[in-house]
Amino acid sequence: MPASTSRKIIDIKYQKDREELKLASYRFIDPAYFRWNYARHNSYNYFKATKLTSIAGAIMGVAIPVGLIYFFYRHRKYTEEMYESGKWKKPRNLVNG
């Protein structure tokens, strides 16, 4: 056999092995990943605004931030009242001594 023919045969075998490895690597990926990825990229096409999703959006987008702001405002006011009344001591400032 000429050297070039044997070289071509080896190249073809190597290429087949690489293709099989490529296919084998796809076999181990969870199919749920592909479904999730498809749904994530096409959510605009399949999303339907209903009463439930609107309420959930309002709760997540408005009620939670407003509730957190109110909570931190009241907590700050409460701690200042405790410091002023003398029931609590202010912590030492470690920077200024």
PDB file of N, CA and C in Angstrom:
ATOM      1  N   MET A   1       0.825  -1.185   0.000  1.00  0.00           N
ATOM      2  CA  MET A   1       0.000   0.000   0.000  1.00  0.00           C
ATOM      3  C   MET A   1       0.872   1.253   0.000  1.00  0.00           C
ATOM      4  N   PRO A   2       0.488   2.231  -0.783  1.00  0.00           N
ATOM      5  CA  PRO A   2       1.233   3.486  -0.737  1.00  0.00           C
ATOM      6  C   PRO A   2       0.973   4.208   0.590  1.00  0.00           C
ATOM      7  N   ALA A   3       1.914   5.027   0.954  1.00  0.00           N
ATOM      8  CA  ALA A   3       1.826   5.733   2.233  1.00  0.00           C
ATOM      9  C   ALA A   3       0.624   6.663   2.280  1.00  0.00           C
ATOM     10  N   SER A   4       0.294   7.282   1.144  1.00  0.00           N
ATOM     11  CA  SER A   4      -0.824   8.227   1.151  1.00  0.00           C
ATOM     12  C   SER A   4      -2.160   7.515   1.384  1.00  0.00           C
ATOM     13  N   THR A   5      -2.318   6.300   0.880  1.00  0.00           N
ATOM     14  CA  THR A   5      -3.557   5.548   1.078  1.00  0.00           C
ATOM     15  C   THR A   5      -3.725   5.156   2.538  1.00  0.00           C
ATOM     16  N   SER A   6      -2.656   4.664   3.141  1.00  0.00           N
ATOM     17  CA  SER A   6      -2.755   4.290   4.553  1.00  0.00           C
ATOM     18  C   SER A   6      -3.023   5.529   5.414  1.00  0.00           C
ATOM     19  N   ARG A   7      -2.455   6.632   5.015  1.00  0.00           N
ATOM     20  CA  ARG A   7      -2.683   7.889   5.748  1.00  0.00           C
ATOM     21  C   ARG A   7      -4.155   8.288   5.669  1.00  0.00           C
ATOM     22  N   LYS A   8      -4.776   8.134   4.496  1.00  0.00           N
ATOM     23  CA  LYS A   8      -6.186   8.460   4.337  1.00  0.00           C
ATOM     24  C   LYS A   8      -7.058   7.546   5.184  1.00  0.00           C
ATOM     25  N   ILE A   9      -6.719   6.268   5.238  1.00  0.00           N
ATOM     26  CA  ILE A   9      -7.494   5.323   6.039  1.00  0.00           C
ATOM     27  C   ILE A   9      -7.418   5.701   7.516  1.00  0.00           C
ATOM     28  N   ILE A  10      -6.224   6.040   7.973  1.00  0.00           N
ATOM     29  CA  ILE A  10      -6.053   6.439   9.375  1.00  0.00           C
ATOM     30  C   ILE A  10      -6.846   7.708   9.659  1.00  0.00           C
ATOM     31  N   ASP A  11      -6.807   8.676   8.723  1.00  0.00           N
ATOM     32  CA  ASP A  11      -7.555   9.912   8.910  1.00  0.00           C
ATOM     33  C   ASP A  11      -9.053   9.651   8.979  1.00  0.00           C
ATOM     34  N   ILE A  12      -9.551   8.749   8.134  1.00  0.00           N
ATOM     35  CA  ILE A  12     -10.980   8.414   8.139  1.00  0.00           C
ATOM     36  C   ILE A  12     -11.364   7.756   9.459  1.00  0.00           C
ATOM     37  N   LYS A  13     -10.514   6.820   9.945  1.00  0.00           N
ATOM     38  CA  LYS A  13     -10.795   6.176  11.234  1.00  0.00           C
ATOM     39  C   LYS A  13     -10.790   7.208  12.360  1.00  0.00           C
ATOM     40  N   TYR A  14      -9.824   8.118  12.333  1.00  0.00           N
ATOM     41  CA  TYR A  14      -9.728   9.148  13.361  1.00  0.00           C
ATOM     42  C   TYR A  14     -10.961  10.045  13.326  1.00  0.00           C
ATOM     43  N   GLN A  15     -11.406  10.380  12.133  1.00  0.00           N
ATOM     44  CA  GLN A  15     -12.583  11.236  12.000  1.00  0.00           C
ATOM     45  C   GLN A  15     -13.830  10.516  12.524  1.00  0.00           C
ATOM     46  N   LYS A  16     -13.955   9.222  12.228  1.00  0.00           N
ATOM     47  CA  LYS A  16     -15.093   8.446  12.743  1.00  0.00           C
ATOM     48  C   LYS A  16     -15.073   8.405  14.266  1.00  0.00           C
ATOM     49  N   ASP A  17     -13.893   8.196  14.833  1.00  0.00           N
ATOM     50  CA  ASP A  17     -13.784   8.163  16.292  1.00  0.00           C
ATOM     51  C   ASP A  17     -14.199   9.496  16.904  1.00  0.00           C
ATOM     52  N   ARG A  18     -13.784  10.580  16.291  1.00  0.00           N
ATOM     53  CA  ARG A  18     -14.141  11.906  16.801  1.00  0.00           C
ATOM     54  C   ARG A  18     -15.648  12.132  16.726  1.00  0.00           C
ATOM     55  N   GLU A  19     -16.271  11.687  15.618  1.00  0.00           N
ATOM     56  CA  GLU A  19     -17.722  11.842  15.492  1.00  0.00           C
ATOM     57  C   GLU A  19     -18.451  11.007  16.540  1.00  0.00           C
ATOM     58  N   GLU A  20     -17.967   9.799  16.791  1.00  0.00           N
ATOM     59  CA  GLU A  20     -18.595   8.958  17.807  1.00  0.00           C
ATOM     60  C   GLU A  20     -18.449   9.569  19.196  1.00  0.00           C
ATOM     61  N   LEU A  21     -17.284  10.132  19.471  1.00  0.00           N
ATOM     62  CA  LEU A  21     -17.086  10.803  20.761  1.00  0.00           C
ATOM     63  C   LEU A  21     -18.024  11.987  20.903  1.00  0.00           C
ATOM     64  N   LYS A  22     -18.190  12.735  19.843  1.00  0.00           N
ATOM     65  CA  LYS A  22     -19.073  13.885  19.878  1.00  0.00           C
ATOM     66  C   LYS A  22     -20.504  13.447  20.169  1.00  0.00           C
ATOM     67  N   LEU A  23     -20.950  12.387  19.505  1.00  0.00           N
ATOM     68  CA  LEU A  23     -22.292  11.875  19.755  1.00  0.00           C
ATOM     69  C   LEU A  23     -22.422  11.327  21.164  1.00  0.00           C
ATOM     70  N   ALA A  24     -21.384  10.649  21.635  1.00  0.00           N
ATOM     71  CA  ALA A  24     -21.427  10.075  22.979  1.00  0.00           C
ATOM     72  C   ALA A  24     -21.507  11.170  24.031  1.00  0.00           C
ATOM     73  N   SER A  25     -20.858  12.297  23.808  1.00  0.00           N
ATOM     74  CA  SER A  25     -20.895  13.369  24.799  1.00  0.00           C
ATOM     75  C   SER A  25     -22.291  13.961  24.903  1.00  0.00           C
ATOM     76  N   TYR A  26     -23.069  13.958  23.820  1.00  0.00           N
ATOM     77  CA  TYR A  26     -24.431  14.479  23.869  1.00  0.00           C
ATOM     78  C   TYR A  26     -25.375  13.521  24.584  1.00  0.00           C
ATOM     79  N   ARG A  27     -25.037  12.265  24.649  1.00  0.00           N
ATOM     80  CA  ARG A  27     -25.912  11.291  25.297  1.00  0.00           C
ATOM     81  C   ARG A  27     -26.003  11.500  26.803  1.00  0.00           C
ATOM     82  N   PHE A  28     -25.004  12.094  27.403  1.00  0.00           N
ATOM     83  CA  PHE A  28     -24.972  12.235  28.847  1.00  0.00           C
ATOM     84  C   PHE A  28     -25.608  13.526  29.340  1.00  0.00           C
ATOM     85  N   ILE A  29     -26.028  14.402  28.456  1.00  0.00           N
ATOM     86  CA  ILE A  29     -26.678  15.639  28.874  1.00  0.00           C
ATOM     87  C   ILE A  29     -28.147  15.343  29.163  1.00  0.00           C
ATOM     88  N   ASP A  30     -28.619  15.845  30.272  1.00  0.00           N
ATOM     89  CA  ASP A  30     -29.989  15.594  30.698  1.00  0.00           C
ATOM     90  C   ASP A  30     -30.973  16.231  29.721  1.00  0.00           C
ATOM     91  N   PRO A  31     -31.965  15.489  29.243  1.00  0.00           N
ATOM     92  CA  PRO A  31     -32.939  16.060  28.314  1.00  0.00           C
ATOM     93  C   PRO A  31     -33.755  17.195  28.929  1.00  0.00           C
ATOM     94  N   ALA A  32     -33.881  17.198  30.244  1.00  0.00           N
ATOM     95  CA  ALA A  32     -34.616  18.282  30.901  1.00  0.00           C
ATOM     96  C   ALA A  32     -33.919  19.620  30.684  1.00  0.00           C
ATOM     97  N   TYR A  33     -32.598  19.584  30.574  1.00  0.00           N
ATOM     98  CA  TYR A  33     -31.854  20.816  30.304  1.00  0.00           C
ATOM     99  C   TYR A  33     -32.281  21.418  28.968  1.00  0.00           C
ATOM    100  N   PHE A  34     -32.419  20.578  27.953  1.00  0.00           N
ATOM    101  CA  PHE A  34     -32.819  21.078  26.642  1.00  0.00           C
ATOM    102  C   PHE A  34     -34.242  21.626  26.681  1.00  0.00           C
ATOM    103  N   ARG A  35     -35.148  20.963  27.404  1.00  0.00           N
ATOM    104  CA  ARG A  35     -36.520  21.456  27.521  1.00  0.00           C
ATOM    105  C   ARG A  35     -36.547  22.792  28.251  1.00  0.00           C
ATOM    106  N   TRP A  36     -35.782  22.909  29.340  1.00  0.00           N
ATOM    107  CA  TRP A  36     -35.744  24.154  30.103  1.00  0.00           C
ATOM    108  C   TRP A  36     -35.175  25.285  29.259  1.00  0.00           C
ATOM    109  N   ASN A  37     -34.103  24.989  28.536  1.00  0.00           N
ATOM    110  CA  ASN A  37     -33.477  26.002  27.708  1.00  0.00           C
ATOM    111  C   ASN A  37     -34.431  26.473  26.610  1.00  0.00           C
ATOM    112  N   TYR A  38     -35.157  25.546  25.992  1.00  0.00           N
ATOM    113  CA  TYR A  38     -36.116  25.898  24.951  1.00  0.00           C
ATOM    114  C   TYR A  38     -37.226  26.769  25.530  1.00  0.00           C
ATOM    115  N   ALA A  39     -37.736  26.379  26.692  1.00  0.00           N
ATOM    116  CA  ALA A  39     -38.815  27.142  27.316  1.00  0.00           C
ATOM    117  C   ALA A  39     -38.340  28.532  27.723  1.00  0.00           C
ATOM    118  N   ARG A  40     -37.101  28.628  28.178  1.00  0.00           N
ATOM    119  CA  ARG A  40     -36.572  29.916  28.598  1.00  0.00           C
ATOM    120  C   ARG A  40     -36.433  30.871  27.417  1.00  0.00           C
ATOM    121  N   HIS A  41     -35.975  30.349  26.292  1.00  0.00           N
ATOM    122  CA  HIS A  41     -35.765  31.204  25.125  1.00  0.00           C
ATOM    123  C   HIS A  41     -37.056  31.513  24.385  1.00  0.00           C
ATOM    124  N   ASN A  42     -38.094  30.722  24.585  1.00  0.00           N
ATOM    125  CA  ASN A  42     -39.352  30.939  23.884  1.00  0.00           C
ATOM    126  C   ASN A  42     -40.490  31.277  24.836  1.00  0.00           C
ATOM    127  N   SER A  43     -40.195  31.859  25.965  1.00  0.00           N
ATOM    128  CA  SER A  43     -41.239  32.127  26.949  1.00  0.00           C
ATOM    129  C   SER A  43     -42.232  33.173  26.448  1.00  0.00           C
ATOM    130  N   TYR A  44     -41.781  34.113  25.642  1.00  0.00           N
ATOM    131  CA  TYR A  44     -42.684  35.147  25.141  1.00  0.00           C
ATOM    132  C   TYR A  44     -43.779  34.529  24.272  1.00  0.00           C
ATOM    133  N   ASN A  45     -43.451  33.500  23.516  1.00  0.00           N
ATOM    134  CA  ASN A  45     -44.422  32.871  22.626  1.00  0.00           C
ATOM    135  C   ASN A  45     -45.482  32.081  23.395  1.00  0.00           C
ATOM    136  N   TYR A  46     -45.130  31.537  24.560  1.00  0.00           N
ATOM    137  CA  TYR A  46     -46.022  30.632  25.265  1.00  0.00           C
ATOM    138  C   TYR A  46     -46.574  31.191  26.568  1.00  0.00           C
ATOM    139  N   PHE A  47     -46.121  32.348  27.004  1.00  0.00           N
ATOM    140  CA  PHE A  47     -46.599  32.906  28.268  1.00  0.00           C
ATOM    141  C   PHE A  47     -47.967  33.539  28.067  1.00  0.00           C
ATOM    142  N   LYS A  48     -48.874  33.284  28.987  1.00  0.00           N
ATOM    143  CA  LYS A  48     -50.209  33.849  28.907  1.00  0.00           C
ATOM    144  C   LYS A  48     -50.499  34.551  30.230  1.00  0.00           C
ATOM    145  N   ALA A  49     -50.803  35.834  30.176  1.00  0.00           N
ATOM    146  CA  ALA A  49     -51.108  36.581  31.387  1.00  0.00           C
ATOM    147  C   ALA A  49     -52.506  36.216  31.861  1.00  0.00           C
ATOM    148  N   THR A  50     -52.568  35.669  33.057  1.00  0.00           N
ATOM    149  CA  THR A  50     -53.848  35.309  33.655  1.00  0.00           C
ATOM    150  C   THR A  50     -54.009  36.092  34.949  1.00  0.00           C
ATOM    151  N   LYS A  51     -55.127  35.907  35.609  1.00  0.00           N
ATOM    152  CA  LYS A  51     -55.362  36.603  36.873  1.00  0.00           C
ATOM    153  C   LYS A  51     -54.302  36.205  37.908  1.00  0.00           C
ATOM    154  N   LEU A  52     -53.974  34.928  37.945  1.00  0.00           N
ATOM    155  CA  LEU A  52     -53.003  34.434  38.916  1.00  0.00           C
ATOM    156  C   LEU A  52     -51.604  35.005  38.649  1.00  0.00           C
ATOM    157  N   THR A  53     -51.177  35.007  37.392  1.00  0.00           N
ATOM    158  CA  THR A  53     -49.839  35.536  37.097  1.00  0.00           C
ATOM    159  C   THR A  53     -49.780  37.044  37.323  1.00  0.00           C
ATOM    160  N   SER A  54     -50.882  37.737  37.096  1.00  0.00           N
ATOM    161  CA  SER A  54     -50.909  39.183  37.354  1.00  0.00           C
ATOM    162  C   SER A  54     -50.800  39.478  38.842  1.00  0.00           C
ATOM    163  N   ILE A  55     -51.512  38.705  39.642  1.00  0.00           N
ATOM    164  CA  ILE A  55     -51.441  38.889  41.095  1.00  0.00           C
ATOM    165  C   ILE A  55     -50.033  38.564  41.592  1.00  0.00           C
ATOM    166  N   ALA A  56     -49.453  37.483  41.096  1.00  0.00           N
ATOM    167  CA  ALA A  56     -48.100  37.107  41.510  1.00  0.00           C
ATOM    168  C   ALA A  56     -47.099  38.185  41.121  1.00  0.00           C
ATOM    169  N   GLY A  57     -47.254  38.761  39.944  1.00  0.00           N
ATOM    170  CA  GLY A  57     -46.360  39.838  39.517  1.00  0.00           C
ATOM    171  C   GLY A  57     -46.504  41.069  40.384  1.00  0.00           C
ATOM    172  N   ALA A  58     -47.729  41.394  40.762  1.00  0.00           N
ATOM    173  CA  ALA A  58     -47.948  42.550  41.629  1.00  0.00           C
ATOM    174  C   ALA A  58     -47.336  42.326  43.007  1.00  0.00           C
ATOM    175  N   ILE A  59     -47.481  41.120  43.525  1.00  0.00           N
ATOM    176  CA  ILE A  59     -46.912  40.817  44.844  1.00  0.00           C
ATOM    177  C   ILE A  59     -45.391  40.891  44.795  1.00  0.00           C
ATOM    178  N   MET A  60     -44.805  40.266  43.770  1.00  0.00           N
ATOM    179  CA  MET A  60     -43.345  40.244  43.672  1.00  0.00           C
ATOM    180  C   MET A  60     -42.768  41.624  43.348  1.00  0.00           C
ATOM    181  N   GLY A  61     -43.458  42.371  42.531  1.00  0.00           N
ATOM    182  CA  GLY A  61     -42.890  43.633  42.063  1.00  0.00           C
ATOM    183  C   GLY A  61     -43.217  44.833  42.909  1.00  0.00           C
ATOM    184  N   VAL A  62     -44.336  44.789  43.658  1.00  0.00           N
ATOM    185  CA  VAL A  62     -44.750  45.982  44.400  1.00  0.00           C
ATOM    186  C   VAL A  62     -44.827  45.706  45.901  1.00  0.00           C
ATOM    187  N   ALA A  63     -45.566  44.690  46.283  1.00  0.00           N
ATOM    188  CA  ALA A  63     -45.842  44.465  47.700  1.00  0.00           C
ATOM    189  C   ALA A  63     -44.587  44.125  48.499  1.00  0.00           C
ATOM    190  N   ILE A  64     -43.733  43.283  47.979  1.00  0.00           N
ATOM    191  CA  ILE A  64     -42.531  42.897  48.722  1.00  0.00           C
ATOM    192  C   ILE A  64     -41.575  44.076  48.906  1.00  0.00           C
ATOM    193  N   PRO A  65     -41.233  44.838  47.856  1.00  0.00           N
ATOM    194  CA  PRO A  65     -40.350  45.992  48.087  1.00  0.00           C
ATOM    195  C   PRO A  65     -40.952  47.035  49.022  1.00  0.00           C
ATOM    196  N   VAL A  66     -42.248  47.326  48.879  1.00  0.00           N
ATOM    197  CA  VAL A  66     -42.882  48.311  49.758  1.00  0.00           C
ATOM    198  C   VAL A  66     -42.895  47.793  51.195  1.00  0.00           C
ATOM    199  N   GLY A  67     -43.180  46.502  51.376  1.00  0.00           N
ATOM    200  CA  GLY A  67     -43.164  45.923  52.718  1.00  0.00           C
ATOM    201  C   GLY A  67     -41.786  45.979  53.362  1.00  0.00           C
ATOM    202  N   LEU A  68     -40.736  45.709  52.579  1.00  0.00           N
ATOM    203  CA  LEU A  68     -39.380  45.785  53.123  1.00  0.00           C
ATOM    204  C   LEU A  68     -38.997  47.219  53.492  1.00  0.00           C
ATOM    205  N   ILE A  69     -39.370  48.156  52.658  1.00  0.00           N
ATOM    206  CA  ILE A  69     -39.078  49.568  52.962  1.00  0.00           C
ATOM    207  C   ILE A  69     -39.771  49.973  54.257  1.00  0.00           C
ATOM    208  N   TYR A  70     -41.037  49.607  54.419  1.00  0.00           N
ATOM    209  CA  TYR A  70     -41.777  49.934  55.632  1.00  0.00           C
ATOM    210  C   TYR A  70     -41.147  49.275  56.858  1.00  0.00           C
ATOM    211  N   PHE A  71     -40.771  47.997  56.722  1.00  0.00           N
ATOM    212  CA  PHE A  71     -40.157  47.274  57.840  1.00  0.00           C
ATOM    213  C   PHE A  71     -38.869  47.960  58.292  1.00  0.00           C
ATOM    214  N   PHE A  72     -37.982  48.290  57.353  1.00  0.00           N
ATOM    215  CA  PHE A  72     -36.720  48.925  57.737  1.00  0.00           C
ATOM    216  C   PHE A  72     -36.922  50.336  58.283  1.00  0.00           C
ATOM    217  N   TYR A  73     -37.921  51.037  57.771  1.00  0.00           N
ATOM    218  CA  TYR A  73     -38.237  52.367  58.304  1.00  0.00           C
ATOM    219  C   TYR A  73     -38.678  52.261  59.755  1.00  0.00           C
ATOM    220  N   ARG A  74     -39.599  51.339  60.055  1.00  0.00           N
ATOM    221  CA  ARG A  74     -40.096  51.178  61.423  1.00  0.00           C
ATOM    222  C   ARG A  74     -38.985  50.700  62.360  1.00  0.00           C
ATOM    223  N   HIS A  75     -38.143  49.796  61.886  1.00  0.00           N
ATOM    224  CA  HIS A  75     -37.066  49.290  62.723  1.00  0.00           C
ATOM    225  C   HIS A  75     -36.078  50.404  63.064  1.00  0.00           C
ATOM    226  N   ARG A  76     -35.765  51.235  62.084  1.00  0.00           N
ATOM    227  CA  ARG A  76     -34.852  52.356  62.320  1.00  0.00           C
ATOM    228  C   ARG A  76     -35.454  53.325  63.342  1.00  0.00           C
ATOM    229  N   LYS A  77     -36.741  53.614  63.193  1.00  0.00           N
ATOM    230  CA  LYS A  77     -37.423  54.516  64.116  1.00  0.00           C
ATOM    231  C   LYS A  77     -37.428  53.931  65.531  1.00  0.00           C
ATOM    232  N   TYR A  78     -37.681  52.629  65.640  1.00  0.00           N
ATOM    233  CA  TYR A  78     -37.710  51.953  66.937  1.00  0.00           C
ATOM    234  C   TYR A  78     -36.350  52.001  67.621  1.00  0.00           C
ATOM    235  N   THR A  79     -35.280  51.728  66.879  1.00  0.00           N
ATOM    236  CA  THR A  79     -33.949  51.750  67.492  1.00  0.00           C
ATOM    237  C   THR A  79     -33.569  53.157  67.934  1.00  0.00           C
ATOM    238  N   GLU A  80     -33.924  54.163  67.147  1.00  0.00           N
ATOM    239  CA  GLU A  80     -33.623  55.539  67.562  1.00  0.00           C
ATOM    240  C   GLU A  80     -34.374  55.907  68.832  1.00  0.00           C
ATOM    241  N   GLU A  81     -35.644  55.468  68.957  1.00  0.00           N
ATOM    242  CA  GLU A  81     -36.411  55.727  70.184  1.00  0.00           C
ATOM    243  C   GLU A  81     -35.770  55.040  71.384  1.00  0.00           C
ATOM    244  N   MET A  82     -35.284  53.828  71.202  1.00  0.00           N
ATOM    245  CA  MET A  82     -34.640  53.094  72.294  1.00  0.00           C
ATOM    246  C   MET A  82     -33.344  53.777  72.728  1.00  0.00           C
ATOM    247  N   TYR A  83     -32.571  54.283  71.786  1.00  0.00           N
ATOM    248  CA  TYR A  83     -31.336  54.993  72.133  1.00  0.00           C
ATOM    249  C   TYR A  83     -31.657  56.285  72.871  1.00  0.00           C
ATOM    250  N   GLU A  84     -32.661  57.026  72.400  1.00  0.00           N
ATOM    251  CA  GLU A  84     -33.008  58.308  73.018  1.00  0.00           C
ATOM    252  C   GLU A  84     -33.585  58.137  74.424  1.00  0.00           C
ATOM    253  N   SER A  85     -34.367  57.061  74.618  1.00  0.00           N
ATOM    254  CA  SER A  85     -34.962  56.844  75.940  1.00  0.00           C
ATOM    255  C   SER A  85     -33.948  56.281  76.938  1.00  0.00           C
ATOM    256  N   GLY A  86     -32.826  55.768  76.470  1.00  0.00           N
ATOM    257  CA  GLY A  86     -31.811  55.240  77.360  1.00  0.00           C
ATOM    258  C   GLY A  86     -31.951  53.760  77.649  1.00  0.00           C
ATOM    259  N   LYS A  87     -32.889  53.108  77.055  1.00  0.00           N
ATOM    260  CA  LYS A  87     -33.067  51.673  77.278  1.00  0.00           C
ATOM    261  C   LYS A  87     -31.954  50.873  76.599  1.00  0.00           C
ATOM    262  N   TRP A  88     -31.470  51.372  75.505  1.00  0.00           N
ATOM    263  CA  TRP A  88     -30.371  50.739  74.793  1.00  0.00           C
ATOM    264  C   TRP A  88     -29.173  51.659  74.788  1.00  0.00           C
ATOM    265  N   LYS A  89     -27.993  51.061  74.770  1.00  0.00           N
ATOM    266  CA  LYS A  89     -26.768  51.831  74.657  1.00  0.00           C
ATOM    267  C   LYS A  89     -26.286  51.775  73.218  1.00  0.00           C
ATOM    268  N   LYS A  90     -25.792  52.900  72.715  1.00  0.00           N
ATOM    269  CA  LYS A  90     -25.243  52.883  71.361  1.00  0.00           C
ATOM    270  C   LYS A  90     -23.930  52.111  71.364  1.00  0.00           C
ATOM    271  N   PRO A  91     -23.680  51.336  70.321  1.00  0.00           N
ATOM    272  CA  PRO A  91     -22.414  50.613  70.266  1.00  0.00           C
ATOM    273  C   PRO A  91     -21.245  51.567  70.095  1.00  0.00           C
ATOM    274  N   ARG A  92     -20.083  51.155  70.605  1.00  0.00           N
ATOM    275  CA  ARG A  92     -18.885  52.000  70.496  1.00  0.00           C
ATOM    276  C   ARG A  92     -18.443  52.108  69.068  1.00  0.00           C
ATOM    277  N   ASN A  93     -17.974  53.268  68.707  1.00  0.00           N
ATOM    278  CA  ASN A  93     -17.427  53.474  67.383  1.00  0.00           C
ATOM    279  C   ASN A  93     -15.978  53.025  67.413  1.00  0.00           C
ATOM    280  N   LEU A  94     -15.658  51.956  66.713  1.00  0.00           N
ATOM    281  CA  LEU A  94     -14.302  51.399  66.761  1.00  0.00           C
ATOM    282  C   LEU A  94     -13.304  52.226  65.954  1.00  0.00           C
ATOM    283  N   VAL A  95     -13.798  53.042  65.038  1.00  0.00           N
ATOM    284  CA  VAL A  95     -12.887  53.832  64.204  1.00  0.00           C
ATOM    285  C   VAL A  95     -12.347  55.023  64.979  1.00  0.00           C
ATOM    286  N   ASN A  96     -13.230  55.735  65.682  1.00  0.00           N
ATOM    287  CA  ASN A  96     -12.819  56.946  66.391  1.00  0.00           C
ATOM    288  C   ASN A  96     -12.464  56.702  67.855  1.00  0.00           C
ATOM    289  N   GLY A  97     -12.603  55.489  68.310  1.00  0.00           N
ATOM    290  CA  GLY A  97     -12.193  55.154  69.665  1.00  0.00           C
ATOM    291  C   GLY A  97     -13.278  55.309  70.634  1.00  0.00           C
TER     292      GLY A  97
END
